[in-house]
Amino acid sequence: MSASEIEDGLSDDELRGLELIRETGGIHQSEFWKELDISSRKGSRIAEKLVDAELINREDTVYNGHNTYYLEPTAKDLDFRLLMAGDLLSPFIGEEEVDPQSDSFSQWLMNLAYEE
């Protein structure tokens, strides 16, 4: 079953929860249900369903002195194609400043232009 088919089977609250996790890149479960304006019990059920569907990961953590879970999108949920130009990864990935006059940046831009 594809990810889109799995998502088609989700309730409105589950879809809102998945969207929140994707938009934030990760959120503590104790904040998750508050952001969705639902009960903690319903928030836990939504998180469990998204984990079972392999749409998110959930890891034990401590937040504000309390045991909770950290919810984040699965790696397969991330679309890295937007960072690619041909087989070259964007030079903007990393901690170094990008020199717009550099060969690597020029090559990346040329590959990007050829894809269009």
N, C-alpha and C. Protein backbone atom coordinates (compact mmCIF):
# COMPACT_ATOMS: atom_id res chain seq x y z
N MET A 1 0.85 -1.17 0.00
CA MET A 1 0.00 0.00 0.00
C MET A 1 0.90 1.24 0.00
N SER A 2 0.61 2.20 -0.85
CA SER A 2 1.44 3.41 -0.95
C SER A 2 1.10 4.37 0.19
N ALA A 3 1.99 5.34 0.40
CA ALA A 3 1.79 6.33 1.47
C ALA A 3 0.52 7.13 1.22
N SER A 4 0.24 7.46 -0.04
CA SER A 4 -0.97 8.24 -0.32
C SER A 4 -2.23 7.42 -0.05
N GLU A 5 -2.18 6.11 -0.32
CA GLU A 5 -3.33 5.26 -0.01
C GLU A 5 -3.53 5.15 1.50
N ILE A 6 -2.42 5.08 2.24
CA ILE A 6 -2.52 5.04 3.70
C ILE A 6 -3.12 6.34 4.21
N GLU A 7 -2.64 7.47 3.67
CA GLU A 7 -3.14 8.77 4.11
C GLU A 7 -4.62 8.94 3.77
N ASP A 8 -5.07 8.37 2.65
CA ASP A 8 -6.48 8.45 2.28
C ASP A 8 -7.37 7.79 3.32
N GLY A 9 -6.83 6.82 4.07
CA GLY A 9 -7.60 6.12 5.09
C GLY A 9 -7.59 6.79 6.45
N LEU A 10 -6.91 7.94 6.57
CA LEU A 10 -6.82 8.63 7.85
C LEU A 10 -8.02 9.55 8.07
N SER A 11 -8.38 9.73 9.33
CA SER A 11 -9.45 10.67 9.68
C SER A 11 -8.93 12.10 9.54
N ASP A 12 -9.83 13.06 9.62
CA ASP A 12 -9.43 14.47 9.53
C ASP A 12 -8.44 14.84 10.64
N ASP A 13 -8.70 14.37 11.86
CA ASP A 13 -7.79 14.67 12.98
C ASP A 13 -6.43 14.03 12.77
N GLU A 14 -6.41 12.81 12.25
CA GLU A 14 -5.14 12.13 11.98
C GLU A 14 -4.36 12.86 10.89
N LEU A 15 -5.05 13.33 9.87
CA LEU A 15 -4.38 14.10 8.81
C LEU A 15 -3.84 15.42 9.36
N ARG A 16 -4.61 16.08 10.22
CA ARG A 16 -4.13 17.33 10.83
C ARG A 16 -2.90 17.05 11.68
N GLY A 17 -2.90 15.95 12.41
CA GLY A 17 -1.76 15.58 13.24
C GLY A 17 -0.53 15.30 12.39
N LEU A 18 -0.71 14.56 11.31
CA LEU A 18 0.40 14.25 10.41
C LEU A 18 0.96 15.54 9.80
N GLU A 19 0.09 16.43 9.39
CA GLU A 19 0.51 17.71 8.81
C GLU A 19 1.30 18.53 9.84
N LEU A 20 0.84 18.54 11.09
CA LEU A 20 1.54 19.28 12.14
C LEU A 20 2.94 18.72 12.35
N ILE A 21 3.06 17.42 12.39
CA ILE A 21 4.37 16.79 12.59
C ILE A 21 5.29 17.09 11.41
N ARG A 22 4.75 17.04 10.21
CA ARG A 22 5.56 17.34 9.02
C ARG A 22 5.99 18.80 9.01
N GLU A 23 5.07 19.71 9.33
CA GLU A 23 5.38 21.14 9.29
C GLU A 23 6.42 21.53 10.33
N THR A 24 6.32 20.94 11.52
CA THR A 24 7.24 21.30 12.60
C THR A 24 8.55 20.54 12.48
N GLY A 25 8.55 19.43 11.76
CA GLY A 25 9.74 18.59 11.67
C GLY A 25 9.89 17.69 12.88
N GLY A 26 9.01 17.85 13.85
CA GLY A 26 9.02 17.05 15.08
C GLY A 26 8.42 17.84 16.21
N ILE A 27 7.70 17.15 17.08
CA ILE A 27 7.02 17.81 18.20
C ILE A 27 6.88 16.82 19.34
N HIS A 28 6.93 17.32 20.57
CA HIS A 28 6.68 16.46 21.72
C HIS A 28 5.20 16.13 21.79
N GLN A 29 4.91 14.87 22.13
CA GLN A 29 3.51 14.44 22.16
C GLN A 29 2.69 15.27 23.13
N SER A 30 3.31 15.73 24.21
CA SER A 30 2.59 16.55 25.19
C SER A 30 2.17 17.90 24.60
N GLU A 31 2.86 18.36 23.57
CA GLU A 31 2.48 19.60 22.87
C GLU A 31 1.59 19.30 21.67
N PHE A 32 1.76 18.12 21.12
CA PHE A 32 1.03 17.69 19.93
C PHE A 32 -0.48 17.79 20.12
N TRP A 33 -0.98 17.17 21.16
CA TRP A 33 -2.42 17.17 21.37
C TRP A 33 -2.94 18.56 21.73
N LYS A 34 -2.12 19.36 22.40
CA LYS A 34 -2.53 20.74 22.73
C LYS A 34 -2.66 21.57 21.46
N GLU A 35 -1.69 21.43 20.55
CA GLU A 35 -1.73 22.16 19.27
C GLU A 35 -2.94 21.78 18.44
N LEU A 36 -3.33 20.51 18.52
CA LEU A 36 -4.49 20.04 17.76
C LEU A 36 -5.82 20.33 18.47
N ASP A 37 -5.72 20.80 19.73
CA ASP A 37 -6.90 21.09 20.55
C ASP A 37 -7.79 19.85 20.71
N ILE A 38 -7.12 18.76 21.12
CA ILE A 38 -7.81 17.50 21.39
C ILE A 38 -7.33 16.98 22.74
N SER A 39 -7.97 15.94 23.25
CA SER A 39 -7.56 15.37 24.54
C SER A 39 -6.23 14.64 24.39
N SER A 40 -5.53 14.46 25.51
CA SER A 40 -4.27 13.73 25.47
C SER A 40 -4.50 12.28 25.05
N ARG A 41 -5.62 11.72 25.47
CA ARG A 41 -5.95 10.34 25.09
C ARG A 41 -6.12 10.21 23.58
N LYS A 42 -6.86 11.16 22.98
CA LYS A 42 -7.06 11.13 21.53
C LYS A 42 -5.73 11.39 20.82
N GLY A 43 -4.92 12.29 21.36
CA GLY A 43 -3.60 12.56 20.79
C GLY A 43 -2.73 11.32 20.78
N SER A 44 -2.79 10.55 21.87
CA SER A 44 -2.02 9.30 21.94
C SER A 44 -2.50 8.30 20.90
N ARG A 45 -3.80 8.20 20.74
CA ARG A 45 -4.35 7.27 19.75
C ARG A 45 -3.95 7.67 18.32
N ILE A 46 -3.98 8.96 18.05
CA ILE A 46 -3.58 9.45 16.72
C ILE A 46 -2.11 9.13 16.49
N ALA A 47 -1.28 9.42 17.48
CA ALA A 47 0.16 9.16 17.34
C ALA A 47 0.40 7.67 17.10
N GLU A 48 -0.28 6.81 17.85
CA GLU A 48 -0.13 5.36 17.68
C GLU A 48 -0.51 4.92 16.27
N LYS A 49 -1.61 5.46 15.75
CA LYS A 49 -2.05 5.09 14.40
C LYS A 49 -1.02 5.54 13.37
N LEU A 50 -0.46 6.74 13.52
CA LEU A 50 0.53 7.24 12.57
C LEU A 50 1.83 6.44 12.64
N VAL A 51 2.19 5.98 13.86
CA VAL A 51 3.37 5.12 14.01
C VAL A 51 3.11 3.77 13.34
N ASP A 52 1.94 3.18 13.61
CA ASP A 52 1.60 1.89 13.01
C ASP A 52 1.57 1.95 11.49
N ALA A 53 1.18 3.11 10.94
CA ALA A 53 1.14 3.29 9.49
C ALA A 53 2.52 3.65 8.93
N GLU A 54 3.51 3.73 9.83
CA GLU A 54 4.89 4.07 9.47
C GLU A 54 5.01 5.44 8.81
N LEU A 55 4.15 6.38 9.23
CA LEU A 55 4.20 7.74 8.72
C LEU A 55 5.03 8.64 9.62
N ILE A 56 5.18 8.24 10.90
CA ILE A 56 6.00 8.99 11.85
C ILE A 56 6.81 8.02 12.71
N ASN A 57 7.82 8.56 13.37
CA ASN A 57 8.58 7.83 14.39
C ASN A 57 8.23 8.43 15.74
N ARG A 58 8.26 7.60 16.77
CA ARG A 58 7.96 8.07 18.14
C ARG A 58 9.02 7.51 19.06
N GLU A 59 9.70 8.41 19.76
CA GLU A 59 10.76 7.99 20.68
C GLU A 59 10.52 8.54 22.07
N ASP A 60 10.85 7.72 23.08
CA ASP A 60 10.75 8.15 24.47
C ASP A 60 11.68 9.34 24.71
N THR A 61 11.20 10.31 25.49
CA THR A 61 12.02 11.46 25.84
C THR A 61 11.49 12.09 27.12
N VAL A 62 12.21 13.03 27.65
CA VAL A 62 11.76 13.81 28.81
C VAL A 62 11.65 15.25 28.34
N TYR A 63 10.51 15.87 28.63
CA TYR A 63 10.25 17.25 28.21
C TYR A 63 9.60 17.98 29.37
N ASN A 64 10.19 19.09 29.77
CA ASN A 64 9.70 19.86 30.93
C ASN A 64 9.59 18.99 32.18
N GLY A 65 10.54 18.08 32.33
CA GLY A 65 10.58 17.23 33.52
C GLY A 65 9.61 16.06 33.51
N HIS A 66 8.93 15.84 32.40
CA HIS A 66 7.94 14.75 32.31
C HIS A 66 8.31 13.79 31.19
N ASN A 67 8.01 12.52 31.42
CA ASN A 67 8.22 11.52 30.36
C ASN A 67 7.16 11.72 29.29
N THR A 68 7.60 11.73 28.05
CA THR A 68 6.69 11.89 26.92
C THR A 68 7.33 11.23 25.71
N TYR A 69 6.80 11.48 24.56
CA TYR A 69 7.36 10.98 23.32
C TYR A 69 7.69 12.16 22.41
N TYR A 70 8.67 11.94 21.55
CA TYR A 70 8.96 12.92 20.51
C TYR A 70 8.50 12.31 19.19
N LEU A 71 7.65 13.03 18.48
CA LEU A 71 7.06 12.57 17.23
C LEU A 71 7.73 13.30 16.08
N GLU A 72 8.20 12.54 15.09
CA GLU A 72 8.83 13.17 13.94
C GLU A 72 8.49 12.39 12.67
N PRO A 73 8.53 13.08 11.52
CA PRO A 73 8.22 12.37 10.27
C PRO A 73 9.25 11.29 9.99
N THR A 74 8.83 10.24 9.32
CA THR A 74 9.78 9.21 8.93
C THR A 74 10.66 9.76 7.82
N ALA A 75 11.86 9.22 7.71
CA ALA A 75 12.80 9.69 6.68
C ALA A 75 12.24 9.47 5.30
N LYS A 76 11.48 8.39 5.11
CA LYS A 76 10.92 8.13 3.78
C LYS A 76 9.87 9.17 3.41
N ASP A 77 9.39 9.92 4.42
CA ASP A 77 8.38 10.94 4.19
C ASP A 77 9.00 12.22 3.64
N LEU A 78 10.30 12.36 3.78
CA LEU A 78 10.97 13.58 3.34
C LEU A 78 11.28 13.49 1.86
N ASP A 79 11.09 14.57 1.15
CA ASP A 79 11.32 14.59 -0.29
C ASP A 79 12.61 15.36 -0.57
N PHE A 80 13.68 14.62 -0.84
CA PHE A 80 14.98 15.23 -1.07
C PHE A 80 15.16 15.65 -2.53
N ARG A 81 14.20 15.33 -3.39
CA ARG A 81 14.33 15.71 -4.80
C ARG A 81 14.45 17.21 -4.97
N LEU A 82 13.86 17.98 -4.06
CA LEU A 82 13.92 19.43 -4.17
C LEU A 82 15.32 19.97 -3.92
N LEU A 83 16.20 19.15 -3.37
CA LEU A 83 17.57 19.57 -3.10
C LEU A 83 18.54 19.11 -4.18
N MET A 84 18.00 18.41 -5.17
CA MET A 84 18.86 17.81 -6.18
C MET A 84 18.77 18.56 -7.50
N ALA A 85 19.87 18.56 -8.22
CA ALA A 85 19.92 19.01 -9.61
C ALA A 85 20.69 17.92 -10.34
N GLY A 86 19.98 17.09 -11.09
CA GLY A 86 20.61 15.92 -11.67
C GLY A 86 21.02 15.00 -10.53
N ASP A 87 22.30 14.66 -10.48
CA ASP A 87 22.79 13.82 -9.39
C ASP A 87 23.59 14.63 -8.37
N LEU A 88 23.48 15.95 -8.43
CA LEU A 88 24.22 16.82 -7.51
C LEU A 88 23.31 17.34 -6.41
N LEU A 89 23.77 17.22 -5.18
CA LEU A 89 23.05 17.75 -4.02
C LEU A 89 23.31 19.24 -3.91
N SER A 90 22.32 19.99 -3.49
CA SER A 90 22.44 21.44 -3.37
C SER A 90 23.66 21.83 -2.53
N PRO A 91 24.43 22.80 -2.99
CA PRO A 91 25.58 23.26 -2.21
C PRO A 91 25.15 24.03 -0.96
N PHE A 92 23.86 24.32 -0.84
CA PHE A 92 23.37 25.03 0.34
C PHE A 92 23.19 24.10 1.54
N ILE A 93 23.39 22.80 1.34
CA ILE A 93 23.32 21.84 2.43
C ILE A 93 24.68 21.80 3.10
N GLY A 94 24.70 22.10 4.37
CA GLY A 94 25.97 22.09 5.09
C GLY A 94 26.13 23.37 5.87
N GLU A 95 27.24 23.46 6.54
CA GLU A 95 27.46 24.59 7.42
C GLU A 95 28.36 25.66 6.83
N GLU A 96 28.91 25.39 5.66
CA GLU A 96 29.80 26.36 5.04
C GLU A 96 29.00 27.38 4.24
N GLU A 97 29.54 28.58 4.13
CA GLU A 97 28.93 29.61 3.30
C GLU A 97 29.16 29.25 1.84
N VAL A 98 28.13 29.42 1.02
CA VAL A 98 28.24 29.08 -0.39
C VAL A 98 28.77 30.28 -1.15
N ASP A 99 29.79 30.05 -1.95
CA ASP A 99 30.36 31.09 -2.80
C ASP A 99 29.63 31.03 -4.14
N PRO A 100 28.84 32.06 -4.47
CA PRO A 100 28.09 32.02 -5.73
C PRO A 100 28.99 32.00 -6.97
N GLN A 101 30.27 32.26 -6.80
CA GLN A 101 31.22 32.23 -7.91
C GLN A 101 31.93 30.87 -8.01
N SER A 102 31.63 29.95 -7.10
CA SER A 102 32.34 28.67 -7.08
C SER A 102 31.89 27.77 -8.22
N ASP A 103 32.79 26.86 -8.60
CA ASP A 103 32.49 25.89 -9.66
C ASP A 103 31.36 24.96 -9.24
N SER A 104 31.35 24.54 -7.97
CA SER A 104 30.32 23.58 -7.53
C SER A 104 28.93 24.22 -7.60
N PHE A 105 28.83 25.48 -7.24
CA PHE A 105 27.55 26.17 -7.31
C PHE A 105 27.12 26.35 -8.77
N SER A 106 28.04 26.74 -9.62
CA SER A 106 27.74 26.92 -11.04
C SER A 106 27.28 25.62 -11.67
N GLN A 107 27.97 24.54 -11.35
CA GLN A 107 27.61 23.22 -11.91
C GLN A 107 26.22 22.81 -11.44
N TRP A 108 25.92 23.05 -10.17
CA TRP A 108 24.61 22.70 -9.62
C TRP A 108 23.52 23.50 -10.35
N LEU A 109 23.75 24.79 -10.55
CA LEU A 109 22.76 25.62 -11.24
C LEU A 109 22.56 25.17 -12.70
N MET A 110 23.65 24.83 -13.37
CA MET A 110 23.52 24.36 -14.75
C MET A 110 22.73 23.06 -14.82
N ASN A 111 22.96 22.14 -13.88
CA ASN A 111 22.19 20.89 -13.85
C ASN A 111 20.73 21.17 -13.57
N LEU A 112 20.47 22.14 -12.71
CA LEU A 112 19.10 22.50 -12.38
C LEU A 112 18.40 23.05 -13.63
N ALA A 113 19.08 23.89 -14.38
CA ALA A 113 18.51 24.47 -15.59
C ALA A 113 18.23 23.40 -16.64
N TYR A 114 19.09 22.38 -16.74
CA TYR A 114 18.90 21.33 -17.74
C TYR A 114 17.70 20.45 -17.42
N GLU A 115 17.32 20.37 -16.16
CA GLU A 115 16.18 19.53 -15.77
C GLU A 115 14.85 20.12 -16.21
N GLU A 116 14.79 21.42 -16.38
CA GLU A 116 13.53 22.08 -16.72
C GLU A 116 13.23 21.92 -18.12
